[in-house]
Amino acid sequence: MALPKTPTTNDKTWVTVARNGHKKARVVVCDKTQLVPSFKASQRQLPTISGSDKRLFVRLPQDHEWRKLSPAGIREVVVRKLSISPSLIGRIKPVHSGFAVSPCSTESCEAILKAGNGLFLTGAKLESATNWIPVIISTVPSTIRKEQGDVEVSSTMLADEIERVCSVRPAHLKLYGRNNTEAPHRTWMTFFSKATRAGFIVFDESGIDRPFEKQHSLEFCKRCNGHHPSKNCSRAPSCGNCGSTDHSEDVFMATTKCGNCGGPHRSDSRRCLAHPTRLGAPTKEQIKTYRQAGEKENIKL
């Protein structure tokens, strides 16, 4: 015969609470402070460090005969004059001062610099890249009125004034942009070998200096053949040959027509009138005018 089970009493009933009285919960004081992971904060505060320029520059005078050579011709001349292996040199690109040579590695860069004396009698100079800090100084007066009269501001005068204000002499100076010779103010670009204090003005009347930021041109989207980054493009894919969204580019179902300006060329052509320039992308009114001009060209064909 099984014994009857004793009912289990719940300690949390109103009867037991009223009989025992209200008891305060024990408060446990913890001395340990909870550490909040600061990975995102530290990641936000880390400065972006740009890699140094490892290129070498072949400096050439304006009338030097090597300026007429192609990058492949410069490669052959440099290899012959310096007596080095062609495998040490990567890409060669023409620049304003001559040619920029990209070595294949750090060891290749050192080997090319050691053999740089081979260009001594050629009129060319082999120099490493200078990691200068570019700064823009706007509205610099073109002339200064002194006791002797109006004196034009030269690069030497501006360098002396910058050294007086910042206690650092710029490594190089040049006019920036399209400066009118008759304009009362000019814009200068200065290059410093080290960082200087920000917010200075020259001749007590120029604009505040600002760091130079190179403008990046708009990317070309290969999905919709428009001028914007293709990473987050949500437009319908279009044909690069005729601009239609009804078929792919592999199927040629129409004549060649730009999808941006309507001209008789492909959408990725440099002849496109709607192609962005250094001043930025064209406005809607300009694109409308470009398409009208493109339609007229198609009618002529």
Protein backbone atom coordinates (compact mmCIF):
# COMPACT_ATOMS: atom_id res chain seq x y z
CA MET A 1 0.00 0.00 0.00
CA ALA A 2 1.55 3.31 -1.10
CA LEU A 3 1.85 6.12 1.39
CA PRO A 4 0.13 9.38 0.52
CA LYS A 5 2.46 12.03 -0.74
CA THR A 6 2.93 15.07 1.43
CA PRO A 7 1.99 18.22 -0.43
CA THR A 8 4.91 20.48 -1.10
CA THR A 9 4.40 23.94 0.30
CA ASN A 10 5.42 26.90 -1.73
CA ASP A 11 7.54 29.36 0.20
CA LYS A 12 6.41 32.18 -2.04
CA THR A 13 2.69 32.10 -1.14
CA TRP A 14 0.99 35.10 0.47
CA VAL A 15 0.54 33.15 3.72
CA THR A 16 4.23 32.46 4.20
CA VAL A 17 5.17 35.99 3.20
CA ALA A 18 2.73 37.51 5.71
CA ARG A 19 3.85 35.09 8.45
CA ASN A 20 7.61 35.60 7.97
CA GLY A 21 7.39 39.28 7.21
CA HIS A 22 8.88 41.22 4.29
CA LYS A 23 12.62 40.65 3.96
CA LYS A 24 14.82 42.90 1.93
CA ALA A 25 16.93 41.29 -0.68
CA ARG A 26 20.61 41.15 0.04
CA VAL A 27 22.58 43.66 -1.96
CA VAL A 28 25.96 42.38 -3.12
CA VAL A 29 28.44 45.16 -3.74
CA CYS A 30 30.88 44.25 -6.47
CA ASP A 31 34.14 46.13 -6.50
CA LYS A 32 34.99 45.03 -10.02
CA THR A 33 34.02 47.56 -12.63
CA GLN A 34 32.63 46.19 -15.84
CA LEU A 35 34.89 46.90 -18.76
CA VAL A 36 33.12 48.01 -21.90
CA PRO A 37 34.85 46.75 -25.03
CA SER A 38 36.22 49.75 -26.79
CA PHE A 39 37.15 48.10 -30.06
CA LYS A 40 35.00 50.38 -32.19
CA ALA A 41 36.10 53.48 -30.32
CA SER A 42 39.77 52.64 -30.67
CA GLN A 43 39.20 51.80 -34.30
CA ARG A 44 37.62 55.21 -34.84
CA GLN A 45 40.47 57.06 -33.14
CA LEU A 46 43.27 55.37 -35.04
CA PRO A 47 44.83 57.78 -37.52
CA THR A 48 45.06 56.73 -41.11
CA ILE A 49 48.71 56.32 -42.01
CA SER A 50 49.40 56.50 -45.70
CA GLY A 51 52.25 54.51 -47.07
CA SER A 52 55.32 56.40 -48.19
CA ASP A 53 56.00 56.88 -51.87
CA LYS A 54 58.54 54.30 -53.07
CA ARG A 55 58.85 55.64 -56.62
CA LEU A 56 62.03 56.98 -58.22
CA PHE A 57 61.99 59.97 -60.54
CA VAL A 58 64.14 60.59 -63.59
CA ARG A 59 64.26 64.42 -63.64
CA LEU A 60 64.70 65.80 -67.15
CA PRO A 61 65.04 69.40 -68.42
CA GLN A 62 62.26 70.70 -70.66
CA ASP A 63 64.41 70.49 -73.80
CA HIS A 64 65.93 67.07 -73.05
CA GLU A 65 65.84 64.55 -75.89
CA TRP A 66 64.64 61.75 -73.58
CA ARG A 67 61.27 63.48 -73.14
CA LYS A 68 60.31 62.29 -76.63
CA LEU A 69 60.83 58.63 -75.67
CA SER A 70 58.06 56.29 -74.61
CA PRO A 71 58.12 54.49 -71.22
CA ALA A 72 59.53 51.39 -72.93
CA GLY A 73 62.29 53.50 -74.48
CA ILE A 74 63.14 55.08 -71.11
CA ARG A 75 63.32 51.61 -69.59
CA GLU A 76 65.86 50.53 -72.20
CA VAL A 77 67.97 53.68 -71.73
CA VAL A 78 67.97 53.46 -67.91
CA VAL A 79 68.90 49.77 -67.96
CA ARG A 80 71.77 50.45 -70.36
CA LYS A 81 73.11 53.55 -68.57
CA LEU A 82 72.87 52.12 -65.05
CA SER A 83 73.92 48.57 -66.03
CA ILE A 84 71.10 46.99 -64.05
CA SER A 85 68.67 44.16 -64.70
CA PRO A 86 65.35 45.03 -66.40
CA SER A 87 63.53 42.94 -63.78
CA LEU A 88 64.30 45.58 -61.12
CA ILE A 89 62.04 48.13 -62.80
CA GLY A 90 58.28 47.72 -62.67
CA ARG A 91 56.06 50.38 -64.19
CA ILE A 92 57.27 53.63 -65.79
CA LYS A 93 54.90 56.57 -66.10
CA PRO A 94 55.56 60.01 -67.66
CA VAL A 95 55.16 62.94 -65.26
CA HIS A 96 55.65 66.71 -65.49
CA SER A 97 59.30 66.60 -64.36
CA GLY A 98 60.29 63.57 -66.43
CA PHE A 99 59.44 59.93 -65.71
CA ALA A 100 58.35 58.08 -62.57
CA VAL A 101 59.93 54.65 -62.09
CA SER A 102 58.27 52.11 -59.79
CA PRO A 103 60.79 49.54 -58.49
CA CYS A 104 59.63 45.98 -57.98
CA SER A 105 60.75 45.86 -54.33
CA THR A 106 62.63 47.77 -51.66
CA GLU A 107 65.85 45.97 -52.56
CA SER A 108 65.37 46.95 -56.20
CA CYS A 109 64.90 50.58 -55.17
CA GLU A 110 68.17 50.57 -53.24
CA ALA A 111 70.02 48.89 -56.12
CA ILE A 112 68.77 51.47 -58.64
CA LEU A 113 69.70 54.37 -56.35
CA LYS A 114 73.24 53.02 -55.89
CA ALA A 115 73.70 52.88 -59.67
CA GLY A 116 72.23 56.38 -60.16
CA ASN A 117 75.64 57.92 -60.89
CA GLY A 118 75.46 56.44 -64.37
CA LEU A 119 73.18 59.32 -65.41
CA PHE A 120 75.71 61.99 -64.41
CA LEU A 121 76.81 63.02 -67.91
CA THR A 122 73.38 62.66 -69.54
CA GLY A 123 71.77 65.77 -68.03
CA ALA A 124 69.20 63.65 -66.17
CA LYS A 125 68.92 63.17 -62.41
CA LEU A 126 67.68 60.13 -60.53
CA GLU A 127 65.98 61.08 -57.28
CA SER A 128 63.80 59.34 -54.75
CA ALA A 129 60.28 60.55 -54.02
CA THR A 130 59.89 63.45 -51.63
CA ASN A 131 57.00 62.96 -49.22
CA TRP A 132 56.12 66.63 -48.97
CA ILE A 133 52.98 67.99 -47.32
CA PRO A 134 51.01 70.15 -49.79
CA VAL A 135 49.19 73.22 -48.45
CA ILE A 136 46.98 75.65 -50.39
CA ILE A 137 47.15 79.39 -49.63
CA SER A 138 44.37 81.29 -51.38
CA THR A 139 43.86 85.01 -52.10
CA VAL A 140 47.53 85.89 -51.79
CA PRO A 141 48.00 89.48 -53.04
CA SER A 142 49.73 89.63 -56.40
CA THR A 143 51.46 92.92 -55.51
CA ILE A 144 52.46 94.68 -52.29
CA ARG A 145 52.58 98.44 -52.05
CA LYS A 146 55.83 99.67 -50.48
CA GLU A 147 57.60 102.99 -50.29
CA GLN A 148 59.27 102.30 -53.62
CA GLY A 149 55.90 101.48 -55.22
CA ASP A 150 54.04 98.28 -56.11
CA VAL A 151 56.22 95.15 -55.90
CA GLU A 152 55.06 91.86 -57.40
CA VAL A 153 54.98 88.95 -54.95
CA SER A 154 57.47 86.32 -56.10
CA SER A 155 58.08 82.81 -54.82
CA THR A 156 61.12 84.01 -52.84
CA MET A 157 59.13 86.77 -51.13
CA LEU A 158 56.33 84.35 -50.28
CA ALA A 159 58.80 81.78 -48.90
CA ASP A 160 60.35 84.45 -46.66
CA GLU A 161 56.91 85.51 -45.41
CA ILE A 162 55.90 81.91 -44.67
CA GLU A 163 59.15 81.36 -42.78
CA ARG A 164 58.45 84.50 -40.73
CA VAL A 165 54.95 83.34 -39.84
CA CYS A 166 55.50 79.60 -39.35
CA SER A 167 59.23 79.45 -38.53
CA VAL A 168 59.44 76.76 -41.24
CA ARG A 169 60.60 77.48 -44.77
CA PRO A 170 58.68 75.66 -47.52
CA ALA A 171 60.60 73.22 -49.67
CA HIS A 172 58.85 74.26 -52.88
CA LEU A 173 56.33 76.85 -54.10
CA LYS A 174 54.23 77.11 -57.25
CA LEU A 175 51.10 78.83 -58.51
CA TYR A 176 47.97 76.68 -58.28
CA GLY A 177 45.22 76.60 -60.87
CA ARG A 178 44.52 79.11 -63.59
CA ASN A 179 45.68 82.46 -62.25
CA ASN A 180 44.92 85.58 -64.25
CA THR A 181 47.95 87.84 -64.50
CA GLU A 182 45.77 90.92 -64.05
CA ALA A 183 43.90 89.56 -61.00
CA PRO A 184 44.65 91.26 -57.64
CA HIS A 185 45.01 87.90 -55.85
CA ARG A 186 46.56 84.53 -56.63
CA THR A 187 46.45 81.01 -55.24
CA TRP A 188 49.71 79.32 -54.27
CA MET A 189 50.53 75.73 -53.43
CA THR A 190 53.32 75.26 -50.89
CA PHE A 191 55.14 72.05 -50.03
CA PHE A 192 56.59 71.45 -46.56
CA SER A 193 59.02 68.74 -45.53
CA LYS A 194 57.28 68.50 -42.13
CA ALA A 195 53.93 69.48 -40.67
CA THR A 196 53.43 73.12 -39.71
CA ARG A 197 50.88 74.89 -37.58
CA ALA A 198 47.52 75.32 -39.25
CA GLY A 199 45.55 78.51 -39.69
CA PHE A 200 48.26 80.98 -40.71
CA ILE A 201 47.92 83.87 -43.15
CA VAL A 202 50.61 85.68 -45.13
CA PHE A 203 51.07 89.42 -45.65
CA ASP A 204 48.24 89.95 -43.12
CA GLU A 205 45.60 89.82 -45.84
CA SER A 206 45.61 86.39 -47.48
CA GLY A 207 43.21 83.54 -46.86
CA ILE A 208 43.75 80.89 -44.21
CA ASP A 209 45.85 77.97 -45.37
CA ARG A 210 44.20 74.59 -45.89
CA PRO A 211 45.58 71.13 -46.64
CA PHE A 212 45.48 70.10 -50.27
CA GLU A 213 43.10 67.23 -51.04
CA LYS A 214 43.27 65.69 -54.47
CA GLN A 215 39.91 65.43 -56.18
CA HIS A 216 39.00 61.95 -57.33
CA SER A 217 37.08 61.57 -60.56
CA LEU A 218 33.76 59.73 -60.58
CA GLU A 219 33.93 56.02 -61.28
CA PHE A 220 32.30 54.39 -64.27
CA CYS A 221 29.65 51.78 -63.47
CA LYS A 222 29.92 48.73 -65.73
CA ARG A 223 26.45 47.59 -64.67
CA CYS A 224 24.30 50.49 -65.89
CA ASN A 225 27.05 52.37 -67.81
CA GLY A 226 26.60 55.48 -65.68
CA HIS A 227 29.16 57.69 -64.01
CA HIS A 228 28.98 56.63 -60.35
CA PRO A 229 30.50 53.91 -58.12
CA SER A 230 29.25 50.46 -59.11
CA LYS A 231 29.38 49.07 -55.56
CA ASN A 232 25.81 49.98 -54.56
CA CYS A 233 24.26 50.38 -58.00
CA SER A 234 20.58 49.37 -58.06
CA ARG A 235 19.80 50.39 -61.64
CA ALA A 236 18.87 47.95 -64.36
CA PRO A 237 21.78 46.52 -66.37
CA SER A 238 22.16 48.21 -69.73
CA CYS A 239 24.00 47.53 -72.95
CA GLY A 240 27.23 49.47 -73.27
CA ASN A 241 26.90 49.54 -77.05
CA CYS A 242 23.42 51.08 -77.42
CA GLY A 243 22.30 51.91 -73.86
CA SER A 244 19.24 49.62 -73.97
CA THR A 245 18.08 47.67 -70.91
CA ASP A 246 16.23 45.03 -72.96
CA HIS A 247 19.25 42.95 -73.90
CA SER A 248 22.83 42.31 -72.82
CA GLU A 249 25.93 43.74 -74.40
CA ASP A 250 26.77 40.44 -76.10
CA VAL A 251 23.74 40.76 -78.36
CA PHE A 252 24.06 43.60 -80.88
CA MET A 253 20.46 44.52 -81.71
CA ALA A 254 20.87 48.24 -82.48
CA THR A 255 23.35 50.79 -83.74
CA THR A 256 26.01 52.21 -81.46
CA LYS A 257 24.57 54.94 -79.25
CA CYS A 258 25.77 56.38 -75.95
CA GLY A 259 23.33 55.90 -73.09
CA ASN A 260 24.49 59.09 -71.36
CA CYS A 261 24.70 61.77 -74.06
CA GLY A 262 23.07 59.99 -77.03
CA GLY A 263 26.10 60.38 -79.29
CA PRO A 264 27.23 57.82 -81.93
CA HIS A 265 29.72 56.07 -79.65
CA ARG A 266 29.78 53.62 -76.75
CA SER A 267 28.77 54.67 -73.23
CA ASP A 268 32.30 54.18 -71.87
CA SER A 269 33.93 56.28 -74.61
CA ARG A 270 35.99 59.35 -73.78
CA ARG A 271 34.09 61.17 -76.52
CA CYS A 272 31.00 61.22 -74.31
CA LEU A 273 29.97 64.83 -73.65
CA ALA A 274 28.45 63.83 -70.30
CA HIS A 275 31.76 62.45 -69.04
CA PRO A 276 32.68 64.07 -65.68
CA THR A 277 35.59 66.50 -65.67
CA ARG A 278 37.79 67.93 -62.93
CA LEU A 279 35.07 70.46 -62.16
CA GLY A 280 32.59 67.67 -61.41
CA ALA A 281 29.65 65.95 -63.07
CA PRO A 282 27.44 67.89 -65.52
CA THR A 283 24.08 69.24 -64.38
CA LYS A 284 20.69 68.05 -65.62
CA GLU A 285 20.37 71.04 -67.92
CA GLN A 286 23.79 70.32 -69.44
CA ILE A 287 22.95 66.63 -69.94
CA LYS A 288 19.72 67.67 -71.70
CA THR A 289 21.72 69.88 -74.06
CA TYR A 290 24.27 67.11 -74.65
CA ARG A 291 21.54 64.62 -75.56
CA GLN A 292 20.02 67.03 -78.05
CA ALA A 293 23.44 67.46 -79.67
CA GLY A 294 23.92 63.68 -79.70
CA GLU A 295 20.57 63.13 -81.41
CA LYS A 296 21.57 65.60 -84.13
CA GLU A 297 24.81 63.69 -84.72
CA ASN A 298 22.89 60.40 -85.03
CA ILE A 299 20.53 61.96 -87.58
CA LYS A 300 23.49 63.10 -89.68
CA LEU A 301 24.84 59.55 -89.75
